[in-house]
Structures are given as structure tokens and as C-alpha cells.
Amino acid sequence: MRTCMGRRPAPYIALIFLDNIFLSFIIVSILMASSSSKSAVAAAPTDSSAAVLIRVDQSGLGDFTTIQAAIDAVPSNNEEYVFIWVKPGVYREKIVVPADKPYITLSGTQATDTIITWNDGESIYESPTVSILASDFVGRYLTFENYYGSRGKGVALRVSGDKAAFYSCRILSFQDTLLDDIGRHYYSNCYIEGATDFICGNAASLFEKCHLHSINEIGYATITAQKRTTPWENTGFIFLGCKITGVGVHTALLGRPWGTYSRVIYAYSFISSTIAPQGWDNWGDVNKESTAFYGEYKCYGAGASREKRVNWSKRLTSEEAAPFLSKDMIGGRGWLRPAPTNFIIGFSNDVALVSEPKE
């Protein structure tokens, strides 16, 4: 085969041709991966005062008659604030907010007349009436209820997404009422009712001005079962300015360690006589007494006396309590947002809001 200056052999030309195809394939693959990556991560909305409005009304006068249908209408990888307004009624639904649908607010107008209820039990991850798996979720003026009763575990609300907030909600069950699973969470002016470990999980959560009520009548109820497993996890339950009440006298305890390094703090809270003098329980494992962090700071009421408290719990000093007396532990100043004041019909990314057909 002859060669000359400025001309390459055919095999070399073929190799260049194949190299160019391969390079093009790589470039296309990178672009596709980049596009896929961008679509998989929802960009944070910039205007918290505006939200897409979706109405749920069992009478048929809204966009949907069920809450789950309204959630299903939100596009995957959502990038807009969505306000789902739930009209008063009893909604017998088992609801999931999936992980790919962030920035949803689910709101009633009054918790006592906007009730989401279901009856399921045994598995804490499968039984919840409502499961929040998405980040940046807000719940307002709603009742979450599981009426499985004293037969066993029956979760009313599971919160497994990061940056979730609940305002003036009621959370009702018997055992494992609130599975405060993982993530950073904020509860304000909520009423939480149960008997056995009725606030449990390993989230980093601040409960501010909440009312915790034990309905246990036999033996000891346990309000918390916090599951922190290592000393390096920035998780734990903080109860700030809360009220603890219950059925009977000395029928409940402040908590027991689900995790080896369980962490729970009560500060500036009213503790009624329903709390037994010892206050805390080691869940049958004396080794956890040296690793669990259970503290009380400037609490008051008949059940707040530390005279007979277990000696492995702590009366916190001002310095020890300081890190737990604000929203800093959950980073709340960076993600808590007010309710929207402007409402939009339909999504801006050309995803139409298709309502249920009216009869």
C-alpha cells in the first residue's frame, strides 16, 4: 500500500473515524448524565411567598376529593412550592408523600375538623396513616390518626424526610404514635397522644410549645424512645416550653433508650404528676445508663421534681442547656418558612393540573 505526504493509510483513517464515534458517544453520554443528574435533584424555589394551589374537597367542589390524588398531581422532582388546601372532613386514607415531591404544604384550617385516619398496625414502617418521605414538607392544622389501638404498634405519622415542619397538628395513636424517623424536624403547638414509646425515632427534632398526653392506664407509659446510635450523630428530641399530662398519677416516664446514645432534653416545660418520680427507664440495659443523655432544665410542675430521679439523668446547667434552647440544632433559621400569601393555579413548567372529573 502506497503512502505519501498528507495522506494517511486507510486503517489509520478508519481508526480516527472509530475514535471520533467513540468520542461522540462519550460526549453524548456525559450530556445525558448531566441532564439526568439535574432532573433528579429538584432546585429550591426562590420565592417562599408564592405557591401553586391545589384544593381537596370531599364534596367535589375542589380539584380533588382525596388527599393522595392531590399529592399524585404534583410533578416528580418538583421545583415549586405547592399548597394543598384540605377542606374540613374525615379523610379515610393511607397517604404517602414520596421522596421526589419536595416543597409541599398540606394544610387544613383547623386540626379538629380536618382528620386523616386509618387503621393499620405491627410494622412501624408500613403501618403509618401518613408517611412523609420528601424534604421541605409542611403540615398545618391537621389531625393524623391511627386507631389500631392497644393491639400493638400503629403509627399515625412517619416523618422520614429532611426539613419538615408541623404547626398546630394533632397526632393520635397508642403505640409509636409519631415515628420521628430521620432528618431535621420542627413541631410547633402540636398535640401528641399515645401510651408506649409514642414519640420514637432518630431525627433531630425540636418540639416547641407542644402538648404531650399519655393515655396509658396500666403500668408505665413511655413518652419517648429516641434511637441515637453513636455519640457523633447530631440527633435527639428537644422539648422546649411543652406541657406533659396524662391519665392517672405516676403512670408514665419521660423516655427510654431505643438507641445506645439516646438523647432527650426537656426544658422550660410543665411536667404533671402523671410522670413517675424516677422519670426515666434504661429499657433493661444498664450499659445504656452511661451512654444515654437525658437532661432536664428549669422544668416545673408536680412531676418535675428531681429528688427521686434516676441518677444517670441530668439536671442541666445553663451552659449545658444552651445548645438546645434554640432552633440551631436543627438549622431551622435556614429552612423554616412562613405560609405563602400568593397562590398560583397550575405549574410553571407546563405540567397541567388535571382535576378529577366532576359528576
Protein backbone atom coordinates (compact mmCIF):
# COMPACT_ATOMS: atom_id res chain seq x y z
CA MET A 1 0.00 0.00 0.00
CA ARG A 2 1.40 3.41 -1.05
CA THR A 3 1.59 6.33 1.26
CA CYS A 4 2.52 9.93 0.63
CA MET A 5 2.85 13.17 2.50
CA GLY A 6 -0.57 14.48 3.65
CA ARG A 7 -2.28 11.15 3.23
CA ARG A 8 -2.75 8.50 5.93
CA PRO A 9 -3.24 4.76 5.42
CA ALA A 10 -6.84 3.56 5.29
CA PRO A 11 -6.61 1.65 8.57
CA TYR A 12 -5.43 4.83 10.30
CA ILE A 13 -8.31 6.79 8.79
CA ALA A 14 -10.72 4.07 9.97
CA LEU A 15 -9.21 4.27 13.45
CA ILE A 16 -9.72 8.04 13.55
CA PHE A 17 -13.27 7.53 12.36
CA LEU A 18 -13.93 4.98 15.12
CA ASP A 19 -12.22 7.23 17.69
CA ASN A 20 -14.49 10.11 16.66
CA ILE A 21 -17.57 7.90 17.04
CA PHE A 22 -16.36 6.78 20.47
CA LEU A 23 -15.62 10.40 21.49
CA SER A 24 -19.06 11.45 20.31
CA PHE A 25 -20.57 8.61 22.33
CA ILE A 26 -18.70 9.78 25.44
CA ILE A 27 -19.81 13.39 24.94
CA VAL A 28 -23.44 12.36 24.44
CA SER A 29 -23.23 10.09 27.50
CA ILE A 30 -21.85 12.94 29.61
CA LEU A 31 -24.58 15.30 28.43
CA MET A 32 -27.26 12.70 29.13
CA ALA A 33 -25.82 12.00 32.58
CA SER A 34 -25.65 15.72 33.31
CA SER A 35 -29.24 16.19 32.21
CA SER A 36 -30.35 13.19 34.25
CA SER A 37 -28.49 14.47 37.30
CA LYS A 38 -30.11 17.89 37.01
CA SER A 39 -33.59 16.42 36.71
CA ALA A 40 -33.03 14.08 39.67
CA VAL A 41 -32.28 16.94 42.07
CA ALA A 42 -35.05 19.48 42.41
CA ALA A 43 -33.85 23.08 42.53
CA ALA A 44 -35.04 25.05 45.55
CA PRO A 45 -37.78 27.62 44.82
CA THR A 46 -36.70 31.22 45.33
CA ASP A 47 -40.00 32.88 46.35
CA SER A 48 -41.47 31.37 49.51
CA SER A 49 -44.44 33.77 49.45
CA ALA A 50 -45.98 32.14 46.35
CA ALA A 51 -47.26 28.59 45.87
CA VAL A 52 -49.25 26.50 43.42
CA LEU A 53 -52.69 26.00 44.95
CA ILE A 54 -54.43 22.60 44.89
CA ARG A 55 -57.80 22.20 46.63
CA VAL A 56 -59.10 18.98 48.18
CA ASP A 57 -62.81 18.85 48.92
CA GLN A 58 -64.82 15.67 49.51
CA SER A 59 -67.94 17.40 48.21
CA GLY A 60 -66.39 17.62 44.72
CA LEU A 61 -66.04 21.42 44.67
CA GLY A 62 -62.23 21.33 44.74
CA ASP A 63 -59.62 19.97 42.37
CA PHE A 64 -59.59 16.54 44.02
CA THR A 65 -61.72 14.60 46.50
CA THR A 66 -58.80 12.72 48.10
CA ILE A 67 -55.53 13.96 49.53
CA GLN A 68 -53.43 11.27 47.84
CA ALA A 69 -54.81 12.25 44.43
CA ALA A 70 -53.69 15.83 45.05
CA ILE A 71 -50.19 14.66 46.02
CA ASP A 72 -50.04 12.44 42.95
CA ALA A 73 -50.76 15.51 40.78
CA VAL A 74 -47.52 17.19 41.90
CA PRO A 75 -44.81 16.51 39.28
CA SER A 76 -41.80 14.39 40.18
CA ASN A 77 -38.68 16.39 41.02
CA ASN A 78 -40.94 19.31 41.82
CA GLU A 79 -39.26 22.74 41.90
CA GLU A 80 -42.17 24.89 43.11
CA TYR A 81 -43.84 25.42 46.44
CA VAL A 82 -47.19 23.63 46.45
CA PHE A 83 -50.01 24.40 48.88
CA ILE A 84 -52.60 21.61 49.15
CA TRP A 85 -55.60 23.09 50.93
CA VAL A 86 -57.70 20.37 52.54
CA LYS A 87 -61.30 21.31 53.29
CA PRO A 88 -62.84 20.05 56.58
CA GLY A 89 -63.81 16.39 56.69
CA VAL A 90 -62.74 12.92 57.79
CA TYR A 91 -60.36 11.54 55.15
CA ARG A 92 -60.06 7.76 55.45
CA GLU A 93 -56.80 7.39 53.53
CA LYS A 94 -53.34 5.92 53.85
CA ILE A 95 -51.11 8.64 52.44
CA VAL A 96 -47.52 8.78 51.19
CA VAL A 97 -45.63 11.91 50.13
CA PRO A 98 -42.84 10.34 48.01
CA ALA A 99 -39.22 11.43 48.20
CA ASP A 100 -39.26 13.00 44.72
CA LYS A 101 -42.01 15.51 45.64
CA PRO A 102 -40.46 18.15 47.91
CA TYR A 103 -41.81 21.62 48.83
CA ILE A 104 -45.39 20.51 49.61
CA THR A 105 -47.53 22.11 52.28
CA LEU A 106 -50.56 20.11 53.39
CA SER A 107 -52.96 22.33 55.29
CA GLY A 108 -56.40 22.25 56.84
CA THR A 109 -57.99 25.21 58.57
CA GLN A 110 -58.47 23.58 61.99
CA ALA A 111 -56.99 20.30 63.20
CA THR A 112 -60.14 19.14 64.99
CA ASP A 113 -62.25 19.17 61.82
CA THR A 114 -59.68 18.05 59.21
CA ILE A 115 -58.83 14.46 60.10
CA ILE A 116 -56.73 11.91 58.22
CA THR A 117 -57.35 8.48 59.70
CA TRP A 118 -56.52 4.83 59.06
CA ASN A 119 -56.34 1.52 60.93
CA ASP A 120 -53.13 -0.46 60.45
CA GLY A 121 -50.54 -1.96 62.77
CA GLU A 122 -47.50 -4.04 63.67
CA SER A 123 -44.86 -2.66 61.26
CA ILE A 124 -43.68 0.82 62.16
CA TYR A 125 -42.63 1.47 58.56
CA GLU A 126 -45.73 0.03 56.86
CA SER A 127 -48.47 0.95 59.32
CA PRO A 128 -48.35 4.79 59.22
CA THR A 129 -51.52 6.59 58.26
CA VAL A 130 -49.33 9.30 56.71
CA SER A 131 -45.71 8.83 55.60
CA ILE A 132 -43.60 11.88 54.72
CA LEU A 133 -40.60 10.78 52.67
CA ALA A 134 -39.97 14.11 50.88
CA SER A 135 -37.87 17.01 52.11
CA ASP A 136 -39.15 20.53 52.82
CA PHE A 137 -42.62 19.37 53.83
CA VAL A 138 -45.01 21.44 55.96
CA GLY A 139 -48.13 20.20 57.73
CA ARG A 140 -50.65 22.65 59.17
CA TYR A 141 -53.93 22.35 61.10
CA LEU A 142 -54.43 18.61 60.53
CA THR A 143 -55.15 15.53 62.63
CA PHE A 144 -53.11 12.41 61.86
CA GLU A 145 -54.73 9.36 63.43
CA ASN A 146 -54.16 5.60 63.57
CA TYR A 147 -56.92 3.83 65.50
CA TYR A 148 -55.20 0.44 65.64
CA GLY A 149 -55.42 0.79 69.42
CA SER A 150 -53.60 -1.16 72.12
CA ARG A 151 -53.11 -4.28 69.99
CA GLY A 152 -49.58 -3.18 69.08
CA LYS A 153 -47.58 -0.73 67.01
CA GLY A 154 -49.72 1.63 64.99
CA VAL A 155 -48.00 4.74 63.64
CA ALA A 156 -50.13 7.79 62.88
CA LEU A 157 -47.35 9.86 61.29
CA ARG A 158 -43.97 8.83 59.91
CA VAL A 159 -41.51 11.64 59.11
CA SER A 160 -38.51 10.38 57.12
CA GLY A 161 -37.72 13.48 55.04
CA ASP A 162 -35.33 16.29 55.94
CA LYS A 163 -36.52 19.80 56.86
CA ALA A 164 -40.12 19.02 57.81
CA ALA A 165 -42.29 21.28 59.97
CA PHE A 166 -45.69 20.81 61.60
CA TYR A 167 -47.87 23.55 63.04
CA SER A 168 -50.94 23.13 65.26
CA CYS A 169 -51.43 19.48 64.30
CA ARG A 170 -52.82 16.59 66.34
CA ILE A 171 -51.06 13.21 66.17
CA LEU A 172 -53.05 10.37 67.74
CA SER A 173 -52.47 6.66 68.36
CA PHE A 174 -51.49 4.28 71.17
CA GLN A 175 -48.04 2.78 70.48
CA ASP A 176 -45.38 4.51 68.34
CA THR A 177 -47.76 7.35 67.51
CA LEU A 178 -45.11 9.55 65.89
CA LEU A 179 -42.25 7.83 64.09
CA ASP A 180 -39.87 10.78 64.03
CA ASP A 181 -37.56 8.76 61.89
CA ILE A 182 -34.68 10.69 60.28
CA GLY A 183 -33.93 14.27 59.23
CA ARG A 184 -34.36 17.67 60.87
CA HIS A 185 -37.88 18.43 62.06
CA TYR A 186 -39.81 21.14 63.87
CA TYR A 187 -43.12 20.76 65.72
CA SER A 188 -44.94 23.84 66.98
CA ASN A 189 -48.09 23.89 69.12
CA CYS A 190 -48.85 20.25 68.29
CA TYR A 191 -50.81 17.79 70.42
CA ILE A 192 -49.30 14.28 70.52
CA GLU A 193 -51.11 11.43 72.25
CA GLY A 194 -50.19 7.82 72.99
CA ALA A 195 -49.04 5.30 75.55
CA THR A 196 -45.97 3.24 74.56
CA ASP A 197 -42.92 4.98 73.05
CA PHE A 198 -45.28 7.37 71.37
CA ILE A 199 -42.54 9.64 70.07
CA CYS A 200 -39.79 7.44 68.62
CA GLY A 201 -37.03 7.51 66.02
CA ASN A 202 -33.64 9.09 65.36
CA ALA A 203 -34.43 12.52 63.96
CA ALA A 204 -33.02 15.83 65.16
CA SER A 205 -36.24 17.47 66.31
CA LEU A 206 -37.39 20.50 68.24
CA PHE A 207 -40.84 20.33 69.83
CA GLU A 208 -41.85 23.85 70.83
CA LYS A 209 -44.95 24.58 72.93
CA CYS A 210 -46.36 21.12 72.23
CA HIS A 211 -48.74 19.14 74.44
CA LEU A 212 -47.75 15.51 75.09
CA HIS A 213 -50.53 13.40 76.62
CA SER A 214 -50.21 9.83 77.91
CA ILE A 215 -53.35 7.69 77.70
CA ASN A 216 -51.77 4.73 79.50
CA GLU A 217 -53.72 3.32 82.47
CA ILE A 218 -51.77 0.16 83.38
CA GLY A 219 -48.06 0.06 84.18
CA TYR A 220 -45.77 2.74 82.85
CA ALA A 221 -46.21 4.62 79.60
CA THR A 222 -43.07 5.91 77.89
CA ILE A 223 -43.27 9.20 76.06
CA THR A 224 -40.04 8.92 74.06
CA ALA A 225 -37.86 6.17 72.58
CA GLN A 226 -35.06 8.07 70.88
CA LYS A 227 -32.72 5.99 68.69
CA ARG A 228 -29.39 7.83 68.50
CA THR A 229 -26.79 5.09 68.00
CA THR A 230 -23.42 6.90 68.15
CA PRO A 231 -22.07 9.90 70.07
CA TRP A 232 -21.27 11.67 66.77
CA GLU A 233 -24.85 11.89 65.49
CA ASN A 234 -26.39 15.33 65.83
CA THR A 235 -29.80 13.88 66.63
CA GLY A 236 -32.15 13.94 69.58
CA PHE A 237 -35.50 15.23 70.80
CA ILE A 238 -35.76 18.65 72.45
CA PHE A 239 -38.98 19.65 74.21
CA LEU A 240 -38.99 23.39 74.77
CA GLY A 241 -41.83 25.07 76.67
CA CYS A 242 -44.03 21.98 76.36
CA LYS A 243 -46.79 20.52 78.54
CA ILE A 244 -46.77 16.88 79.67
CA THR A 245 -50.02 15.43 81.01
CA GLY A 246 -51.67 12.03 81.23
CA VAL A 247 -54.17 9.65 82.74
CA GLY A 248 -53.58 8.88 86.41
CA VAL A 249 -50.68 9.62 88.75
CA HIS A 250 -47.19 8.18 88.22
CA THR A 251 -48.25 6.21 85.14
CA ALA A 252 -45.70 7.49 82.63
CA LEU A 253 -41.98 8.04 82.11
CA LEU A 254 -40.19 10.73 80.15
CA GLY A 255 -38.34 8.23 77.99
CA ARG A 256 -36.22 5.12 77.47
CA PRO A 257 -33.25 4.50 75.16
CA TRP A 258 -34.10 2.80 71.87
CA GLY A 259 -30.55 3.60 70.74
CA THR A 260 -27.40 3.26 72.83
CA TYR A 261 -26.73 7.02 72.75
CA SER A 262 -30.34 8.12 73.02
CA ARG A 263 -30.65 11.88 73.65
CA VAL A 264 -33.72 13.71 75.02
CA ILE A 265 -33.96 17.11 76.72
CA TYR A 266 -36.95 18.76 78.41
CA ALA A 267 -36.55 22.50 79.07
CA TYR A 268 -38.91 25.12 80.50
CA SER A 269 -41.68 22.52 80.35
CA PHE A 270 -44.64 21.78 82.63
CA ILE A 271 -44.49 18.18 83.86
CA SER A 272 -47.62 16.94 85.61
CA SER A 273 -47.88 14.23 88.29
CA THR A 274 -48.52 11.64 85.59
CA ILE A 275 -44.71 11.31 85.35
CA ALA A 276 -43.31 8.83 87.87
CA PRO A 277 -40.63 10.16 90.26
CA GLN A 278 -37.78 8.17 88.65
CA GLY A 279 -38.53 9.89 85.36
CA TRP A 280 -36.58 7.62 83.01
CA ASP A 281 -36.02 3.92 82.26
CA ASN A 282 -32.95 2.07 80.91
CA TRP A 283 -35.06 -0.42 78.88
CA GLY A 284 -33.47 -3.34 80.70
CA ASP A 285 -29.90 -2.45 79.75
CA VAL A 286 -27.73 -0.93 82.48
CA ASN A 287 -24.96 -0.26 79.95
CA LYS A 288 -27.11 2.40 78.31
CA GLU A 289 -27.15 4.37 81.56
CA SER A 290 -23.61 5.56 80.84
CA THR A 291 -24.24 6.45 77.19
CA ALA A 292 -27.78 7.89 77.04
CA PHE A 293 -28.06 11.65 77.51
CA TYR A 294 -31.26 12.56 79.35
CA GLY A 295 -31.48 16.11 80.65
CA GLU A 296 -33.96 18.46 82.27
CA TYR A 297 -33.65 22.20 82.56
CA LYS A 298 -35.87 24.56 84.55
CA CYS A 299 -38.99 22.40 84.25
CA TYR A 300 -41.87 22.82 86.71
CA GLY A 301 -45.00 21.05 87.96
CA ALA A 302 -45.66 18.12 90.30
CA GLY A 303 -43.76 15.69 88.08
CA ALA A 304 -40.69 17.90 87.62
CA SER A 305 -39.07 17.16 90.99
CA ARG A 306 -35.65 15.57 90.57
CA GLU A 307 -35.45 14.32 94.15
CA LYS A 308 -36.06 10.68 93.12
CA ARG A 309 -34.87 10.83 89.51
CA VAL A 310 -32.58 8.07 88.25
CA ASN A 311 -29.04 9.19 88.98
CA TRP A 312 -27.89 8.74 85.39
CA SER A 313 -30.17 11.52 84.13
CA LYS A 314 -29.01 15.12 84.43
CA ARG A 315 -30.13 18.43 85.81
CA LEU A 316 -28.58 20.60 83.12
CA THR A 317 -26.62 23.74 83.87
CA SER A 318 -27.23 26.88 81.85
CA GLU A 319 -24.10 26.16 79.80
CA GLU A 320 -25.13 22.55 79.12
CA ALA A 321 -28.67 23.56 78.16
CA ALA A 322 -27.72 26.49 75.92
CA PRO A 323 -27.17 24.49 72.67
CA PHE A 324 -30.68 23.04 72.96
CA LEU A 325 -32.67 26.21 73.63
CA SER A 326 -32.97 27.47 70.06
CA LYS A 327 -33.52 26.23 66.52
CA ASP A 328 -29.77 25.99 65.93
CA MET A 329 -29.58 22.23 66.46
CA ILE A 330 -31.96 21.66 63.55
CA GLY A 331 -30.60 24.59 61.49
CA GLY A 332 -34.15 25.88 61.42
CA ARG A 333 -33.32 29.50 60.67
CA GLY A 334 -32.12 28.41 57.26
CA TRP A 335 -35.15 26.39 56.13
CA LEU A 336 -38.27 27.15 58.18
CA ARG A 337 -40.59 29.25 56.03
CA PRO A 338 -43.83 31.19 56.54
CA ALA A 339 -47.11 30.19 54.92
CA PRO A 340 -47.46 31.52 51.36
CA THR A 341 -49.59 34.61 50.74
CA ASN A 342 -49.86 34.42 46.93
CA PHE A 343 -51.37 31.47 45.10
CA ILE A 344 -50.90 30.27 41.53
CA ILE A 345 -53.14 27.98 39.50
CA GLY A 346 -51.09 25.41 37.60
CA PHE A 347 -47.37 24.66 37.42
CA SER A 348 -44.98 26.92 35.55
CA ASN A 349 -43.10 24.03 33.92
CA ASP A 350 -46.05 23.25 31.65
CA VAL A 351 -47.28 20.39 33.82
CA ALA A 352 -51.03 20.81 33.79
CA LEU A 353 -53.03 20.33 36.97
CA VAL A 354 -55.71 17.92 35.85
CA SER A 355 -58.57 17.84 38.30
CA GLU A 356 -60.80 14.89 38.92
CA PRO A 357 -63.88 14.87 36.71
CA LYS A 358 -66.95 16.44 38.30
CA GLU A 359 -70.10 14.35 38.30
